[in-house]
Amino acid sequence: MMIEFENIRSVKFQDLICDVMEFGRKKLFPRHKHVYINIIAMRNKGVYGDCMYEDDRDFTIRFDTTLSQKEIVTTLLHELVHVKQYLYKEEMDYDLPYEKRPHEIEALVKEKQLTEAYYGQT
């Protein structure tokens, strides 16, 4: 996986993000190694994060820098579930209310599992 950063200058923070993203990739889409993700830090945009499909294996993930480190990890893993959904061309129904969208329900369930697994590593 190739990761580029916007608005993130701290190498330590970039390393954390790379570690989280690689952990999530191995759990969610282990056979897809050639994926490009642009990570953008933002402030106070009204969402924890979002994921945008750019091209077949090209995505942008944004997250809010006002979150705690654990919330950022959880948000990145949540958005990585959406990357998996795009890669496998899973259906995403945006006509439903947010909390009833199957792709969001999956992301919410998996974000919790992945966050626990990430912090449970030795």
PDB file of N, CA and C in Angstrom:
ATOM      1  N   MET A   1       0.862  -1.167   0.000  1.00  0.00           N
ATOM      2  CA  MET A   1       0.000   0.000   0.000  1.00  0.00           C
ATOM      3  C   MET A   1       0.904   1.224   0.000  1.00  0.00           C
ATOM      4  N   MET A   2       0.557   2.181  -0.826  1.00  0.00           N
ATOM      5  CA  MET A   2       1.294   3.442  -0.865  1.00  0.00           C
ATOM      6  C   MET A   2       0.434   4.514  -0.203  1.00  0.00           C
ATOM      7  N   ILE A   3       1.028   5.246   0.730  1.00  0.00           N
ATOM      8  CA  ILE A   3       0.300   6.277   1.458  1.00  0.00           C
ATOM      9  C   ILE A   3       1.009   7.610   1.279  1.00  0.00           C
ATOM     10  N   GLU A   4       0.238   8.622   0.955  1.00  0.00           N
ATOM     11  CA  GLU A   4       0.744   9.997   0.915  1.00  0.00           C
ATOM     12  C   GLU A   4      -0.034  10.806   1.934  1.00  0.00           C
ATOM     13  N   PHE A   5       0.591  11.866   2.421  1.00  0.00           N
ATOM     14  CA  PHE A   5      -0.005  12.675   3.477  1.00  0.00           C
ATOM     15  C   PHE A   5      -0.167  14.120   3.048  1.00  0.00           C
ATOM     16  N   GLU A   6      -1.253  14.723   3.493  1.00  0.00           N
ATOM     17  CA  GLU A   6      -1.463  16.165   3.357  1.00  0.00           C
ATOM     18  C   GLU A   6      -1.779  16.716   4.736  1.00  0.00           C
ATOM     19  N   ASN A   7      -1.144  17.807   5.091  1.00  0.00           N
ATOM     20  CA  ASN A   7      -1.371  18.506   6.361  1.00  0.00           C
ATOM     21  C   ASN A   7      -0.921  17.702   7.577  1.00  0.00           C
ATOM     22  N   ILE A   8       0.018  16.783   7.384  1.00  0.00           N
ATOM     23  CA  ILE A   8       0.565  16.003   8.504  1.00  0.00           C
ATOM     24  C   ILE A   8       2.084  16.080   8.412  1.00  0.00           C
ATOM     25  N   ARG A   9       2.689  16.846   9.291  1.00  0.00           N
ATOM     26  CA  ARG A   9       4.139  17.043   9.233  1.00  0.00           C
ATOM     27  C   ARG A   9       4.911  16.119  10.169  1.00  0.00           C
ATOM     28  N   SER A  10       4.279  15.680  11.238  1.00  0.00           N
ATOM     29  CA  SER A  10       4.953  14.846  12.235  1.00  0.00           C
ATOM     30  C   SER A  10       5.253  13.454  11.667  1.00  0.00           C
ATOM     31  N   VAL A  11       6.531  13.121  11.602  1.00  0.00           N
ATOM     32  CA  VAL A  11       6.936  11.806  11.112  1.00  0.00           C
ATOM     33  C   VAL A  11       6.412  10.715  12.046  1.00  0.00           C
ATOM     34  N   LYS A  12       6.411  10.968  13.346  1.00  0.00           N
ATOM     35  CA  LYS A  12       5.899  10.000  14.319  1.00  0.00           C
ATOM     36  C   LYS A  12       4.415   9.717  14.068  1.00  0.00           C
ATOM     37  N   PHE A  13       3.652  10.761  13.776  1.00  0.00           N
ATOM     38  CA  PHE A  13       2.227  10.603  13.497  1.00  0.00           C
ATOM     39  C   PHE A  13       2.023   9.882  12.163  1.00  0.00           C
ATOM     40  N   GLN A  14       2.840  10.216  11.160  1.00  0.00           N
ATOM     41  CA  GLN A  14       2.776   9.512   9.882  1.00  0.00           C
ATOM     42  C   GLN A  14       3.066   8.021  10.069  1.00  0.00           C
ATOM     43  N   ASP A  15       4.058   7.712  10.918  1.00  0.00           N
ATOM     44  CA  ASP A  15       4.399   6.308  11.186  1.00  0.00           C
ATOM     45  C   ASP A  15       3.236   5.571  11.846  1.00  0.00           C
ATOM     46  N   LEU A  16       2.572   6.233  12.795  1.00  0.00           N
ATOM     47  CA  LEU A  16       1.403   5.632  13.443  1.00  0.00           C
ATOM     48  C   LEU A  16       0.324   5.336  12.402  1.00  0.00           C
ATOM     49  N   ILE A  17       0.046   6.312  11.552  1.00  0.00           N
ATOM     50  CA  ILE A  17      -0.985   6.136  10.522  1.00  0.00           C
ATOM     51  C   ILE A  17      -0.620   4.985   9.586  1.00  0.00           C
ATOM     52  N   CYS A  18       0.634   4.928   9.152  1.00  0.00           N
ATOM     53  CA  CYS A  18       1.069   3.833   8.272  1.00  0.00           C
ATOM     54  C   CYS A  18       0.890   2.479   8.953  1.00  0.00           C
ATOM     55  N   ASP A  19       1.220   2.414  10.243  1.00  0.00           N
ATOM     56  CA  ASP A  19       1.075   1.175  10.998  1.00  0.00           C
ATOM     57  C   ASP A  19      -0.395   0.750  11.070  1.00  0.00           C
ATOM     58  N   VAL A  20      -1.265   1.700  11.377  1.00  0.00           N
ATOM     59  CA  VAL A  20      -2.705   1.424  11.459  1.00  0.00           C
ATOM     60  C   VAL A  20      -3.239   0.973  10.102  1.00  0.00           C
ATOM     61  N   MET A  21      -2.850   1.678   9.054  1.00  0.00           N
ATOM     62  CA  MET A  21      -3.361   1.364   7.722  1.00  0.00           C
ATOM     63  C   MET A  21      -2.887  -0.014   7.253  1.00  0.00           C
ATOM     64  N   GLU A  22      -1.636  -0.342   7.511  1.00  0.00           N
ATOM     65  CA  GLU A  22      -1.123  -1.650   7.103  1.00  0.00           C
ATOM     66  C   GLU A  22      -1.782  -2.766   7.916  1.00  0.00           C
ATOM     67  N   PHE A  23      -1.998  -2.534   9.197  1.00  0.00           N
ATOM     68  CA  PHE A  23      -2.719  -3.495  10.032  1.00  0.00           C
ATOM     69  C   PHE A  23      -4.113  -3.744   9.446  1.00  0.00           C
ATOM     70  N   GLY A  24      -4.830  -2.670   9.149  1.00  0.00           N
ATOM     71  CA  GLY A  24      -6.176  -2.790   8.593  1.00  0.00           C
ATOM     72  C   GLY A  24      -6.189  -3.455   7.232  1.00  0.00           C
ATOM     73  N   ARG A  25      -5.229  -3.117   6.380  1.00  0.00           N
ATOM     74  CA  ARG A  25      -5.152  -3.725   5.048  1.00  0.00           C
ATOM     75  C   ARG A  25      -4.991  -5.236   5.157  1.00  0.00           C
ATOM     76  N   LYS A  26      -4.104  -5.670   6.048  1.00  0.00           N
ATOM     77  CA  LYS A  26      -3.867  -7.114   6.205  1.00  0.00           C
ATOM     78  C   LYS A  26      -5.119  -7.843   6.686  1.00  0.00           C
ATOM     79  N   LYS A  27      -5.928  -7.177   7.487  1.00  0.00           N
ATOM     80  CA  LYS A  27      -7.151  -7.791   8.004  1.00  0.00           C
ATOM     81  C   LYS A  27      -8.305  -7.734   7.000  1.00  0.00           C
ATOM     82  N   LEU A  28      -8.392  -6.638   6.237  1.00  0.00           N
ATOM     83  CA  LEU A  28      -9.566  -6.395   5.391  1.00  0.00           C
ATOM     84  C   LEU A  28      -9.386  -6.808   3.931  1.00  0.00           C
ATOM     85  N   PHE A  29      -8.211  -6.558   3.384  1.00  0.00           N
ATOM     86  CA  PHE A  29      -7.980  -6.911   1.976  1.00  0.00           C
ATOM     87  C   PHE A  29      -6.515  -7.311   1.777  1.00  0.00           C
ATOM     88  N   PRO A  30      -6.125  -8.454   2.356  1.00  0.00           N
ATOM     89  CA  PRO A  30      -4.720  -8.861   2.361  1.00  0.00           C
ATOM     90  C   PRO A  30      -4.108  -9.098   0.981  1.00  0.00           C
ATOM     91  N   ARG A  31      -4.901  -9.456   0.006  1.00  0.00           N
ATOM     92  CA  ARG A  31      -4.353  -9.721  -1.335  1.00  0.00           C
ATOM     93  C   ARG A  31      -4.157  -8.457  -2.155  1.00  0.00           C
ATOM     94  N   HIS A  32      -4.740  -7.353  -1.729  1.00  0.00           N
ATOM     95  CA  HIS A  32      -4.618  -6.094  -2.464  1.00  0.00           C
ATOM     96  C   HIS A  32      -3.471  -5.274  -1.875  1.00  0.00           C
ATOM     97  N   LYS A  33      -2.285  -5.465  -2.419  1.00  0.00           N
ATOM     98  CA  LYS A  33      -1.114  -4.748  -1.906  1.00  0.00           C
ATOM     99  C   LYS A  33      -0.879  -3.440  -2.644  1.00  0.00           C
ATOM    100  N   HIS A  34      -1.360  -3.351  -3.862  1.00  0.00           N
ATOM    101  CA  HIS A  34      -1.117  -2.166  -4.683  1.00  0.00           C
ATOM    102  C   HIS A  34      -2.324  -1.230  -4.629  1.00  0.00           C
ATOM    103  N   VAL A  35      -2.443  -0.563  -3.493  1.00  0.00           N
ATOM    104  CA  VAL A  35      -3.523   0.392  -3.257  1.00  0.00           C
ATOM    105  C   VAL A  35      -2.875   1.709  -2.866  1.00  0.00           C
ATOM    106  N   TYR A  36      -3.358   2.800  -3.450  1.00  0.00           N
ATOM    107  CA  TYR A  36      -2.835   4.129  -3.159  1.00  0.00           C
ATOM    108  C   TYR A  36      -3.859   4.876  -2.303  1.00  0.00           C
ATOM    109  N   ILE A  37      -3.410   5.409  -1.168  1.00  0.00           N
ATOM    110  CA  ILE A  37      -4.305   6.161  -0.287  1.00  0.00           C
ATOM    111  C   ILE A  37      -3.666   7.491   0.073  1.00  0.00           C
ATOM    112  N   ASN A  38      -4.397   8.559  -0.189  1.00  0.00           N
ATOM    113  CA  ASN A  38      -3.987   9.900   0.212  1.00  0.00           C
ATOM    114  C   ASN A  38      -4.687  10.202   1.532  1.00  0.00           C
ATOM    115  N   ILE A  39      -3.917  10.471   2.568  1.00  0.00           N
ATOM    116  CA  ILE A  39      -4.461  10.766   3.895  1.00  0.00           C
ATOM    117  C   ILE A  39      -4.409  12.276   4.108  1.00  0.00           C
ATOM    118  N   ILE A  40      -5.558  12.862   4.393  1.00  0.00           N
ATOM    119  CA  ILE A  40      -5.646  14.313   4.589  1.00  0.00           C
ATOM    120  C   ILE A  40      -6.158  14.607   5.992  1.00  0.00           C
ATOM    121  N   ALA A  41      -5.394  15.389   6.725  1.00  0.00           N
ATOM    122  CA  ALA A  41      -5.830  15.850   8.046  1.00  0.00           C
ATOM    123  C   ALA A  41      -6.658  17.115   7.857  1.00  0.00           C
ATOM    124  N   MET A  42      -7.782  17.198   8.558  1.00  0.00           N
ATOM    125  CA  MET A  42      -8.653  18.376   8.473  1.00  0.00           C
ATOM    126  C   MET A  42      -9.101  18.738   9.885  1.00  0.00           C
ATOM    127  N   ARG A  43      -9.670  19.907  10.031  1.00  0.00           N
ATOM    128  CA  ARG A  43     -10.141  20.361  11.338  1.00  0.00           C
ATOM    129  C   ARG A  43     -11.576  20.836  11.241  1.00  0.00           C
ATOM    130  N   ASN A  44     -12.398  20.310  12.165  1.00  0.00           N
ATOM    131  CA  ASN A  44     -13.757  20.817  12.365  1.00  0.00           C
ATOM    132  C   ASN A  44     -14.591  20.914  11.086  1.00  0.00           C
ATOM    133  N   LYS A  45     -14.651  19.831  10.344  1.00  0.00           N
ATOM    134  CA  LYS A  45     -15.481  19.801   9.131  1.00  0.00           C
ATOM    135  C   LYS A  45     -16.837  19.150   9.388  1.00  0.00           C
ATOM    136  N   GLY A  46     -17.109  18.805  10.648  1.00  0.00           N
ATOM    137  CA  GLY A  46     -18.407  18.238  10.990  1.00  0.00           C
ATOM    138  C   GLY A  46     -18.496  16.729  10.890  1.00  0.00           C
ATOM    139  N   VAL A  47     -17.396  16.078  10.547  1.00  0.00           N
ATOM    140  CA  VAL A  47     -17.359  14.616  10.485  1.00  0.00           C
ATOM    141  C   VAL A  47     -16.049  14.128  11.096  1.00  0.00           C
ATOM    142  N   TYR A  48     -16.068  12.902  11.619  1.00  0.00           N
ATOM    143  CA  TYR A  48     -14.822  12.310  12.125  1.00  0.00           C
ATOM    144  C   TYR A  48     -13.873  12.024  10.968  1.00  0.00           C
ATOM    145  N   GLY A  49     -14.452  11.540   9.865  1.00  0.00           N
ATOM    146  CA  GLY A  49     -13.647  11.212   8.698  1.00  0.00           C
ATOM    147  C   GLY A  49     -14.535  10.817   7.543  1.00  0.00           C
ATOM    148  N   ASP A  50     -13.914  10.656   6.387  1.00  0.00           N
ATOM    149  CA  ASP A  50     -14.633  10.162   5.224  1.00  0.00           C
ATOM    150  C   ASP A  50     -13.657   9.504   4.263  1.00  0.00           C
ATOM    151  N   CYS A  51     -14.217   8.771   3.320  1.00  0.00           N
ATOM    152  CA  CYS A  51     -13.426   8.043   2.337  1.00  0.00           C
ATOM    153  C   CYS A  51     -13.982   8.363   0.959  1.00  0.00           C
ATOM    154  N   MET A  52     -13.090   8.716   0.062  1.00  0.00           N
ATOM    155  CA  MET A  52     -13.508   9.034  -1.302  1.00  0.00           C
ATOM    156  C   MET A  52     -12.824   8.104  -2.296  1.00  0.00           C
ATOM    157  N   TYR A  53     -13.617   7.546  -3.181  1.00  0.00           N
ATOM    158  CA  TYR A  53     -13.125   6.717  -4.273  1.00  0.00           C
ATOM    159  C   TYR A  53     -12.621   7.656  -5.353  1.00  0.00           C
ATOM    160  N   GLU A  54     -11.362   7.515  -5.727  1.00  0.00           N
ATOM    161  CA  GLU A  54     -10.789   8.357  -6.783  1.00  0.00           C
ATOM    162  C   GLU A  54     -10.677   7.584  -8.095  1.00  0.00           C
ATOM    163  N   ASP A  55     -10.214   6.336  -8.003  1.00  0.00           N
ATOM    164  CA  ASP A  55     -10.028   5.464  -9.155  1.00  0.00           C
ATOM    165  C   ASP A  55      -9.966   4.029  -8.623  1.00  0.00           C
ATOM    166  N   ASP A  56      -9.785   3.047  -9.509  1.00  0.00           N
ATOM    167  CA  ASP A  56      -9.868   1.640  -9.107  1.00  0.00           C
ATOM    168  C   ASP A  56      -9.129   1.296  -7.816  1.00  0.00           C
ATOM    169  N   ARG A  57      -7.928   1.723  -7.655  1.00  0.00           N
ATOM    170  CA  ARG A  57      -7.151   1.424  -6.438  1.00  0.00           C
ATOM    171  C   ARG A  57      -6.591   2.698  -5.831  1.00  0.00           C
ATOM    172  N   ASP A  58      -7.315   3.764  -5.991  1.00  0.00           N
ATOM    173  CA  ASP A  58      -6.868   5.093  -5.556  1.00  0.00           C
ATOM    174  C   ASP A  58      -7.969   5.732  -4.707  1.00  0.00           C
ATOM    175  N   PHE A  59      -7.634   6.058  -3.452  1.00  0.00           N
ATOM    176  CA  PHE A  59      -8.623   6.559  -2.500  1.00  0.00           C
ATOM    177  C   PHE A  59      -8.065   7.731  -1.705  1.00  0.00           C
ATOM    178  N   THR A  60      -8.963   8.543  -1.195  1.00  0.00           N
ATOM    179  CA  THR A  60      -8.606   9.611  -0.264  1.00  0.00           C
ATOM    180  C   THR A  60      -9.367   9.372   1.028  1.00  0.00           C
ATOM    181  N   ILE A  61      -8.639   9.410   2.129  1.00  0.00           N
ATOM    182  CA  ILE A  61      -9.249   9.321   3.454  1.00  0.00           C
ATOM    183  C   ILE A  61      -8.909  10.604   4.198  1.00  0.00           C
ATOM    184  N   ARG A  62      -9.952  11.246   4.724  1.00  0.00           N
ATOM    185  CA  ARG A  62      -9.755  12.446   5.542  1.00  0.00           C
ATOM    186  C   ARG A  62     -10.185  12.130   6.971  1.00  0.00           C
ATOM    187  N   PHE A  63      -9.524  12.782   7.926  1.00  0.00           N
ATOM    188  CA  PHE A  63      -9.918  12.621   9.327  1.00  0.00           C
ATOM    189  C   PHE A  63      -9.735  13.945  10.049  1.00  0.00           C
ATOM    190  N   ASP A  64     -10.479  14.101  11.138  1.00  0.00           N
ATOM    191  CA  ASP A  64     -10.465  15.333  11.931  1.00  0.00           C
ATOM    192  C   ASP A  64      -9.343  15.265  12.964  1.00  0.00           C
ATOM    193  N   THR A  65      -8.446  16.224  12.927  1.00  0.00           N
ATOM    194  CA  THR A  65      -7.292  16.236  13.828  1.00  0.00           C
ATOM    195  C   THR A  65      -7.646  16.638  15.253  1.00  0.00           C
ATOM    196  N   THR A  66      -8.887  17.072  15.490  1.00  0.00           N
ATOM    197  CA  THR A  66      -9.267  17.425  16.861  1.00  0.00           C
ATOM    198  C   THR A  66      -9.655  16.187  17.676  1.00  0.00           C
ATOM    199  N   LEU A  67      -9.710  15.030  17.042  1.00  0.00           N
ATOM    200  CA  LEU A  67     -10.025  13.782  17.741  1.00  0.00           C
ATOM    201  C   LEU A  67      -8.828  13.318  18.568  1.00  0.00           C
ATOM    202  N   SER A  68      -9.094  12.474  19.554  1.00  0.00           N
ATOM    203  CA  SER A  68      -8.004  11.855  20.318  1.00  0.00           C
ATOM    204  C   SER A  68      -7.284  10.854  19.413  1.00  0.00           C
ATOM    205  N   GLN A  69      -6.104  10.426  19.835  1.00  0.00           N
ATOM    206  CA  GLN A  69      -5.355   9.466  19.028  1.00  0.00           C
ATOM    207  C   GLN A  69      -6.157   8.180  18.815  1.00  0.00           C
ATOM    208  N   LYS A  70      -6.797   7.671  19.861  1.00  0.00           N
ATOM    209  CA  LYS A  70      -7.584   6.438  19.712  1.00  0.00           C
ATOM    210  C   LYS A  70      -8.768   6.653  18.773  1.00  0.00           C
ATOM    211  N   GLU A  71      -9.407   7.818  18.845  1.00  0.00           N
ATOM    212  CA  GLU A  71     -10.514   8.114  17.926  1.00  0.00           C
ATOM    213  C   GLU A  71     -10.017   8.206  16.487  1.00  0.00           C
ATOM    214  N   ILE A  72      -8.818   8.736  16.294  1.00  0.00           N
ATOM    215  CA  ILE A  72      -8.242   8.805  14.946  1.00  0.00           C
ATOM    216  C   ILE A  72      -7.974   7.398  14.428  1.00  0.00           C
ATOM    217  N   VAL A  73      -7.399   6.542  15.264  1.00  0.00           N
ATOM    218  CA  VAL A  73      -7.151   5.151  14.868  1.00  0.00           C
ATOM    219  C   VAL A  73      -8.465   4.480  14.477  1.00  0.00           C
ATOM    220  N   THR A  74      -9.489   4.635  15.302  1.00  0.00           N
ATOM    221  CA  THR A  74     -10.801   4.041  15.022  1.00  0.00           C
ATOM    222  C   THR A  74     -11.380   4.592  13.722  1.00  0.00           C
ATOM    223  N   THR A  75     -11.261   5.895  13.518  1.00  0.00           N
ATOM    224  CA  THR A  75     -11.778   6.531  12.301  1.00  0.00           C
ATOM    225  C   THR A  75     -11.050   6.018  11.068  1.00  0.00           C
ATOM    226  N   LEU A  76      -9.728   5.921  11.130  1.00  0.00           N
ATOM    227  CA  LEU A  76      -8.967   5.420   9.984  1.00  0.00           C
ATOM    228  C   LEU A  76      -9.369   3.985   9.652  1.00  0.00           C
ATOM    229  N   LEU A  77      -9.559   3.160  10.665  1.00  0.00           N
ATOM    230  CA  LEU A  77      -9.973   1.777  10.424  1.00  0.00           C
ATOM    231  C   LEU A  77     -11.391   1.716   9.855  1.00  0.00           C
ATOM    232  N   HIS A  78     -12.277   2.579  10.335  1.00  0.00           N
ATOM    233  CA  HIS A  78     -13.640   2.670   9.790  1.00  0.00           C
ATOM    234  C   HIS A  78     -13.576   3.006   8.298  1.00  0.00           C
ATOM    235  N   GLU A  79     -12.791   4.012   7.958  1.00  0.00           N
ATOM    236  CA  GLU A  79     -12.702   4.433   6.555  1.00  0.00           C
ATOM    237  C   GLU A  79     -12.019   3.372   5.704  1.00  0.00           C
ATOM    238  N   LEU A  80     -11.108   2.616   6.296  1.00  0.00           N
ATOM    239  CA  LEU A  80     -10.458   1.535   5.561  1.00  0.00           C
ATOM    240  C   LEU A  80     -11.453   0.416   5.227  1.00  0.00           C
ATOM    241  N   VAL A  81     -12.472   0.235   6.049  1.00  0.00           N
ATOM    242  CA  VAL A  81     -13.545  -0.714   5.712  1.00  0.00           C
ATOM    243  C   VAL A  81     -14.222  -0.252   4.422  1.00  0.00           C
ATOM    244  N   HIS A  82     -14.415   1.050   4.269  1.00  0.00           N
ATOM    245  CA  HIS A  82     -15.012   1.567   3.034  1.00  0.00           C
ATOM    246  C   HIS A  82     -14.081   1.348   1.842  1.00  0.00           C
ATOM    247  N   VAL A  83     -12.775   1.464   2.044  1.00  0.00           N
ATOM    248  CA  VAL A  83     -11.831   1.150   0.967  1.00  0.00           C
ATOM    249  C   VAL A  83     -12.040  -0.300   0.534  1.00  0.00           C
ATOM    250  N   LYS A  84     -12.150  -1.205   1.500  1.00  0.00           N
ATOM    251  CA  LYS A  84     -12.401  -2.616   1.191  1.00  0.00           C
ATOM    252  C   LYS A  84     -13.692  -2.777   0.393  1.00  0.00           C
ATOM    253  N   GLN A  85     -14.734  -2.054   0.791  1.00  0.00           N
ATOM    254  CA  GLN A  85     -16.021  -2.145   0.106  1.00  0.00           C
ATOM    255  C   GLN A  85     -15.901  -1.660  -1.340  1.00  0.00           C
ATOM    256  N   TYR A  86     -15.150  -0.594  -1.554  1.00  0.00           N
ATOM    257  CA  TYR A  86     -14.925  -0.109  -2.922  1.00  0.00           C
ATOM    258  C   TYR A  86     -14.101  -1.118  -3.728  1.00  0.00           C
ATOM    259  N   LEU A  87     -13.040  -1.652  -3.127  1.00  0.00           N
ATOM    260  CA  LEU A  87     -12.184  -2.604  -3.839  1.00  0.00           C
ATOM    261  C   LEU A  87     -12.959  -3.830  -4.304  1.00  0.00           C
ATOM    262  N   TYR A  88     -13.854  -4.311  -3.462  1.00  0.00           N
ATOM    263  CA  TYR A  88     -14.636  -5.501  -3.790  1.00  0.00           C
ATOM    264  C   TYR A  88     -15.976  -5.163  -4.445  1.00  0.00           C
ATOM    265  N   LYS A  89     -16.143  -3.885  -4.769  1.00  0.00           N
ATOM    266  CA  LYS A  89     -17.341  -3.405  -5.468  1.00  0.00           C
ATOM    267  C   LYS A  89     -18.635  -3.806  -4.747  1.00  0.00           C
ATOM    268  N   GLU A  90     -18.609  -3.664  -3.436  1.00  0.00           N
ATOM    269  CA  GLU A  90     -19.789  -3.965  -2.631  1.00  0.00           C
ATOM    270  C   GLU A  90     -20.782  -2.816  -2.752  1.00  0.00           C
ATOM    271  N   GLU A  91     -22.045  -3.156  -2.699  1.00  0.00           N
ATOM    272  CA  GLU A  91     -23.106  -2.160  -2.882  1.00  0.00           C
ATOM    273  C   GLU A  91     -23.121  -1.145  -1.737  1.00  0.00           C
ATOM    274  N   MET A  92     -23.296   0.114  -2.102  1.00  0.00           N
ATOM    275  CA  MET A  92     -23.417   1.189  -1.120  1.00  0.00           C
ATOM    276  C   MET A  92     -24.672   1.981  -1.449  1.00  0.00           C
ATOM    277  N   ASP A  93     -25.636   1.953  -0.555  1.00  0.00           N
ATOM    278  CA  ASP A  93     -26.922   2.612  -0.771  1.00  0.00           C
ATOM    279  C   ASP A  93     -26.967   3.920   0.008  1.00  0.00           C
ATOM    280  N   TYR A  94     -26.798   5.026  -0.709  1.00  0.00           N
ATOM    281  CA  TYR A  94     -26.781   6.343  -0.067  1.00  0.00           C
ATOM    282  C   TYR A  94     -28.180   6.939   0.076  1.00  0.00           C
ATOM    283  N   ASP A  95     -29.198   6.231  -0.412  1.00  0.00           N
ATOM    284  CA  ASP A  95     -30.570   6.728  -0.286  1.00  0.00           C
ATOM    285  C   ASP A  95     -31.152   6.462   1.104  1.00  0.00           C
ATOM    286  N   LEU A  96     -30.579   5.507   1.806  1.00  0.00           N
ATOM    287  CA  LEU A  96     -31.042   5.193   3.161  1.00  0.00           C
ATOM    288  C   LEU A  96     -30.472   6.197   4.162  1.00  0.00           C
ATOM    289  N   PRO A  97     -31.132   6.358   5.309  1.00  0.00           N
ATOM    290  CA  PRO A  97     -30.536   7.178   6.367  1.00  0.00           C
ATOM    291  C   PRO A  97     -29.187   6.574   6.779  1.00  0.00           C
ATOM    292  N   TYR A  98     -28.260   7.413   7.194  1.00  0.00           N
ATOM    293  CA  TYR A  98     -26.891   6.988   7.516  1.00  0.00           C
ATOM    294  C   TYR A  98     -26.857   5.738   8.387  1.00  0.00           C
ATOM    295  N   GLU A  99     -27.613   5.740   9.475  1.00  0.00           N
ATOM    296  CA  GLU A  99     -27.545   4.638  10.442  1.00  0.00           C
ATOM    297  C   GLU A  99     -28.161   3.337   9.930  1.00  0.00           C
ATOM    298  N   LYS A 100     -28.848   3.373   8.775  1.00  0.00           N
ATOM    299  CA  LYS A 100     -29.458   2.164   8.206  1.00  0.00           C
ATOM    300  C   LYS A 100     -28.713   1.657   6.968  1.00  0.00           C
ATOM    301  N   ARG A 101     -27.682   2.348   6.564  1.00  0.00           N
ATOM    302  CA  ARG A 101     -26.923   1.927   5.388  1.00  0.00           C
ATOM    303  C   ARG A 101     -26.094   0.686   5.729  1.00  0.00           C
ATOM    304  N   PRO A 102     -26.271  -0.410   4.987  1.00  0.00           N
ATOM    305  CA  PRO A 102     -25.522  -1.636   5.289  1.00  0.00           C
ATOM    306  C   PRO A 102     -24.005  -1.440   5.303  1.00  0.00           C
ATOM    307  N   HIS A 103     -23.496  -0.598   4.402  1.00  0.00           N
ATOM    308  CA  HIS A 103     -22.046  -0.400   4.375  1.00  0.00           C
ATOM    309  C   HIS A 103     -21.553   0.365   5.602  1.00  0.00           C
ATOM    310  N   GLU A 104     -22.388   1.221   6.174  1.00  0.00           N
ATOM    311  CA  GLU A 104     -22.011   1.927   7.405  1.00  0.00           C
ATOM    312  C   GLU A 104     -22.146   1.013   8.621  1.00  0.00           C
ATOM    313  N   ILE A 105     -23.157   0.162   8.611  1.00  0.00           N
ATOM    314  CA  ILE A 105     -23.317  -0.798   9.713  1.00  0.00           C
ATOM    315  C   ILE A 105     -22.094  -1.712   9.773  1.00  0.00           C
ATOM    316  N   GLU A 106     -21.674  -2.216   8.607  1.00  0.00           N
ATOM    317  CA  GLU A 106     -20.474  -3.061   8.561  1.00  0.00           C
ATOM    318  C   GLU A 106     -19.256  -2.296   9.065  1.00  0.00           C
ATOM    319  N   ALA A 107     -19.087  -1.059   8.616  1.00  0.00           N
ATOM    320  CA  ALA A 107     -17.921  -0.266   9.024  1.00  0.00           C
ATOM    321  C   ALA A 107     -17.923  -0.009  10.527  1.00  0.00           C
ATOM    322  N   LEU A 108     -19.090   0.246  11.102  1.00  0.00           N
ATOM    323  CA  LEU A 108     -19.179   0.483  12.550  1.00  0.00           C
ATOM    324  C   LEU A 108     -18.828  -0.772  13.348  1.00  0.00           C
ATOM    325  N   VAL A 109     -19.312  -1.921  12.896  1.00  0.00           N
ATOM    326  CA  VAL A 109     -19.003  -3.176  13.586  1.00  0.00           C
ATOM    327  C   VAL A 109     -17.510  -3.482  13.477  1.00  0.00           C
ATOM    328  N   LYS A 110     -16.977  -3.382  12.263  1.00  0.00           N
ATOM    329  CA  LYS A 110     -15.577  -3.744  12.050  1.00  0.00           C
ATOM    330  C   LYS A 110     -14.612  -2.738  12.669  1.00  0.00           C
ATOM    331  N   GLU A 111     -14.995  -1.450  12.741  1.00  0.00           N
ATOM    332  CA  GLU A 111     -14.090  -0.472  13.360  1.00  0.00           C
ATOM    333  C   GLU A 111     -13.820  -0.853  14.810  1.00  0.00           C
ATOM    334  N   LYS A 112     -14.853  -1.316  15.504  1.00  0.00           N
ATOM    335  CA  LYS A 112     -14.693  -1.716  16.911  1.00  0.00           C
ATOM    336  C   LYS A 112     -13.799  -2.947  17.015  1.00  0.00           C
ATOM    337  N   GLN A 113     -14.070  -3.947  16.191  1.00  0.00           N
ATOM    338  CA  GLN A 113     -13.272  -5.176  16.213  1.00  0.00           C
ATOM    339  C   GLN A 113     -11.814  -4.889  15.869  1.00  0.00           C
ATOM    340  N   LEU A 114     -11.606  -4.094  14.830  1.00  0.00           N
ATOM    341  CA  LEU A 114     -10.245  -3.793  14.388  1.00  0.00           C
ATOM    342  C   LEU A 114      -9.492  -2.942  15.401  1.00  0.00           C
ATOM    343  N   THR A 115     -10.174  -1.975  16.009  1.00  0.00           N
ATOM    344  CA  THR A 115      -9.521  -1.130  17.011  1.00  0.00           C
ATOM    345  C   THR A 115      -9.087  -1.978  18.205  1.00  0.00           C
ATOM    346  N   GLU A 116      -9.971  -2.853  18.666  1.00  0.00           N
ATOM    347  CA  GLU A 116      -9.614  -3.740  19.781  1.00  0.00           C
ATOM    348  C   GLU A 116      -8.439  -4.636  19.408  1.00  0.00           C
ATOM    349  N   ALA A 117      -8.454  -5.179  18.199  1.00  0.00           N
ATOM    350  CA  ALA A 117      -7.360  -6.046  17.747  1.00  0.00           C
ATOM    351  C   ALA A 117      -6.060  -5.253  17.606  1.00  0.00           C
ATOM    352  N   TYR A 118      -6.159  -4.024  17.095  1.00  0.00           N
ATOM    353  CA  TYR A 118      -4.959  -3.197  16.922  1.00  0.00           C
ATOM    354  C   TYR A 118      -4.307  -2.912  18.269  1.00  0.00           C
ATOM    355  N   TYR A 119      -5.092  -2.501  19.236  1.00  0.00           N
ATOM    356  CA  TYR A 119      -4.537  -2.183  20.553  1.00  0.00           C
ATOM    357  C   TYR A 119      -4.219  -3.436  21.363  1.00  0.00           C
ATOM    358  N   GLY A 120      -4.738  -4.581  20.949  1.00  0.00           N
ATOM    359  CA  GLY A 120      -4.452  -5.833  21.637  1.00  0.00           C
ATOM    360  C   GLY A 120      -3.202  -6.539  21.139  1.00  0.00           C
ATOM    361  N   GLN A 121      -2.560  -5.981  20.110  1.00  0.00           N
ATOM    362  CA  GLN A 121      -1.326  -6.567  19.587  1.00  0.00           C
ATOM    363  C   GLN A 121      -0.235  -6.520  20.652  1.00  0.00           C
ATOM    364  N   THR A 122       0.652  -7.468  20.599  1.00  0.00           N
ATOM    365  CA  THR A 122       1.790  -7.434  21.533  1.00  0.00           C
ATOM    366  C   THR A 122       3.042  -7.005  20.825  1.00  0.00           C
TER     367      THR A 122
END
